[in-house]
Amino acid sequence: MSLEIYINKSRIDLKSNKGIGLTFQIGSILNPSSISGNLSNSFSVPKTKNNLTVLGNLSNINSNTNIPYEKNEAKIVQNGIELFSDGYAIVESSAKDFKIVVYSGNSSLFELVKGKNVNDLDFGTHVFNITNVVNTFSGDEDYIYPIVDYGKDVELLSNNLSNNIEALIPCLFVKSILKKIADNIGFTLKGSFIDSDIYSKLLITPNNFGLGDIDLEANSWLASDGGYVVSLTPNDVHDIGYLPFGNLSDSMGGTSAFTASQEVVGTLKFGGNFSVFRIDDHNDQHALIGNSVTVRIGIYEDGIEVWHVETVQTYFLAFSLVNLEAEKTVVKFIIKPSSVYEMRVTTTTTSINDGTPTVKDFRIEHSDLVFSFKASRDVTYGSTINLSNLYNVQQDAFIKELTNIYSLTVQTDSLNKEITINYFNDISKNLNNAIDWSDKIDFNTTPSIKYKSGSFAQINNFRYSQVDEVLGEFADSKLIIQDENLEQEKDLIVLKSIAVESELRVLNTHTSVIPLQTYLGQAFDKKPNRFLVNNFLDKNITLTNNVNGGAAALSSNIPFAYFKKEGSIDSLEWSSLLLANYGTFKAIQEKFKMVTAAFRLTEVDIANLDFSIPIYLDVHDADTQINGNFYINKITNFKENKSTKVDLIRL
């Protein structure tokens, strides 16, 4: 037998005279949102000594091998030609024989990326400042800061020459994501989509925006003091000092000052409780009568007070300890990198000495002092942005979304480690390159012709997902099939991404509007991605930073990303996408014909399969007249020296 199967690099013994059927498919035209792969049928192998060794002695129920619970490296070779390369095998069961299934092609590709997120890829970090934002306008980075207004019920960009740079958010290039996915699994990319102009311009917006947990922890602190006693003399201004005094328990390692690693915004809290009484010359404790006490708690940035809270009280009739409380909360407090932040408590006491008894001094006991800052995820100018943290989408879902948007075919060559991504329209462009299989058809099985597919309706809707911020019906469209025997209407493709509106902003230029923020730098998460097309324009524009100062005056290569642009073939609303990318798909549905026939195919035919190249047939017998070009929808149960079932759809 010329068929060889290897599992974990070891050849397994096969049953004699038992062929193994192989199925090949890259995606079904009958289900345009799917991506299929290659697989074998479930086949049996005998429990030979070699197979027991290769498969981990699975006949013993007490075997500790993980082989049945893993995707085992596999390949299938026929007559020296690898039909399945770099695939994986699953051992399904063990009885008289072992039952095994082998997967390859797109199945291997999607298994390699299964469970992996785009945020698993490394896109690096950068500091959010004017220099780094403007540097992305060259288009040479993995990301760019396009001119997009993210204001929700507020305009964060104005129709003026000057705009605040803090309104901008980085977007990743789709080409960068796909390349890193391929690089990460050891593949290279090729194909008409990879070579297209749109591939270099397509952007995806983040579904998360804000500082990560590590940044939040590094820039938050809590300092507290359980208690400390200070003795004062009358009419004295006393500096209790910077925290820590007394028994301080905090995460600051025993230091009284905090320095941030980057600029962040958050909530500052400071304050404490105080008990005040007077001591006579016999060291006896007395209530305060006719005495004034002031407690001031200040927050200092690099030695300069920036916030304080103060309480003043005069006591004329008091016969017990006096308790004072001073506390303040500052929201949206900005801490700056390299600046030092401290808390200082000062007290002032005055005395109207009535002589009974003589006041020796005052005593102030303070407790529950707190000095805390809780950083928020909001992004301020000067923050460090980790691009990977901004994207929470599964890699396989990301690829499938692209195939649906642009009607793409994905074909994986596991032997040469290549992923070919082509437009489905290429099939029509390749009619002159069609491969003639006329002499391969086996008329021992009568070909059948199917005239309709249950996957379609008379009205087929192509939609974007709907969210509260953008209903998005303006971007939806329909494909009409003139076949009254189909159901009336159905949603054929519903994207996970969201449509994008636009308004005149920034010098009367159509600007994409994505309503996610009510203020500059506001963090958000769990928002669906949007796709945009980068569009460099020559405009006079000035980007400024209103908090820290600085400006950049620009006149060329300003990235005004768009979703819909009048007259552009690259617009992303469905009417444009259907017109530009779904022509062949639509033509196939008109007077749909699928031929299912048996073909005598060789391993060379299988090894050279290119689903973007049509098959030409010109065959005639008493029962069948078939002439024309066809798309290979599926090859089922290929076996050596046997006829193979092939589904071909008329172009």
Foldseek 3Di string as FASTA:
>chain_A
DQKWKDWQNHTAAADPPDWKFKKAFQAFLLALLDGDFIKIDWDWGAPDPSVCVRQQVVVDVPGPDCQQVDFTFMWMAGNRRTLAHRWTKHFDDDDRTTIMMITHKVVRLCVVQPPPWLLVFAQDKDAFDDVVQVVCLVLPGQKHFAFFFQAAVDGQFFQDQEHASLRTDIWGQPLSSVQRSLVVSVFAEAAPCCVDPQSSFKTKFFQWAFDDPVLQVQAKWKKWAAKDKDWFAAQDKDWPDWPDDHDIDIDPVRDRKDFHQWKFWFKKKWWWKKKKWFAFPVRDTFHAAQKKKKKKKFKDKQRHTDDIWMDIDTHHDDGDIDMDITMDMDGGDIHGGPIMIIMIMIMGMHHPAPVVPHTGTMMMMIGTTMTITGTDRFDDRGDMDRVSVRHGDRPVLSVSLVCVQQVWGWIADNVNRYIYIYFLCLLVVQQVVAAEQAVFFDPVPPKDKDFARLSDAQKEKAEEDADPSHRGPVLIDIQGEPDPVGHHYDHSHYHPAHAWAWDQGHNRDTATYNHDDNDRRDIRHPGGMHMWGWDKDFDFHKHFHPPPTDIDTGGTSRTRTHQDDPPDLPHRRVVSSCVNRVPVSSVCSHRKMKMKGWTQDDVVCSSPDDQSHWHFHQDDDPVDGDGATWGFRMWIGDTHPDIIITITIHD
